[in-house]
Amino acid sequence: MLRRAHRGRQDFRQTYCAQWVGQHRAPGVTGVRHWPTDMLLWKEGGLPCLYTDISPVVSIVALGVSLFTLWFTVLRRGSIRSARPSFVAIRYDFVDKPQAQAKVFFRCLLFSTGERGVVVEQLFLRVSERARQTEFSFWGHGDAKLVRGSGLFVPKTGVATNHHFNPTDADTLFRFSGGLYSLELMASLVGRKQLVSLWNIALEVPSGVFDTSIANNKAIFYNWSSQTCSYVMSVEDRFGHGYQVADPSDAEGGL
């Protein structure tokens, strides 16, 4: 009796669906009389509505999301980014060189945008002032101990340390005379031909600090102010520990 009742309900649904489709189909459309009951949804009130099986679509979307997550979190190499330097300093090193060596050093955080991290082959600074542009590619980094930069692995969590840059040409004096300077930090990554520009900041060097003489204890510091969103400049006297003390007049003789 249960089977007969179930078959009766199925026959009623098929008959009702065929009548409903015949009443609501577009004029001129013929040839459809019976619709399978598994292709129909019954709304409240007994009115049927057609639907298609969306499970293959859901499966494809889920597979796409899984592949994207795998690529984004594991396979993607990502690139390198840098936080704004908390401070930037300009001074000169007095070492066993024909000229005093201009130096720019700062502290910043380098981090990778990919889960695998990146390997930095070289960091260097582009220092520009009007039509003059010089490459500071003699790179050193470290906190307690300064080491020559020659490859640096940067993970996703980042590396925060001090970075020091000098011009490669040690025989030519680069003078920080008064004016507006542009400092652009560039990175060369292993396995990639295109250079990455990490940041570009403009700093005003006051006149008179390094114009007429270069002292080993003179430095210009630029500390970032979050309140004013700008660098606050100060000229300080700090002896360069670990460097030979030289008479400023000796440096002037080679200008």
Foldseek 3Di string as FASTA:
>chain_A
DVVVVVVVVQVVVQQVVQVVCVVPPDPPDDDDRGDHPVQWDADPPGDIDGDDDCVVVVVVVVVVVVVVVCCQAPVPAAAKAKDDFQKKKWAWFAAPFQATWIKIKTKIKMAGSYQVWFKWQFKWKWKDFVPDTFIFGQKWWDAPDIDTDGMDTHHRVTDITMMMTTGPPRHDDDFPAFGKMKIWMWTDTPPDDDIDTHDIDIDTDHHPQRDQWHAQQWMWMWGADPVVRGTDIDIGGHHDPPGDGDDRVSNVVSD
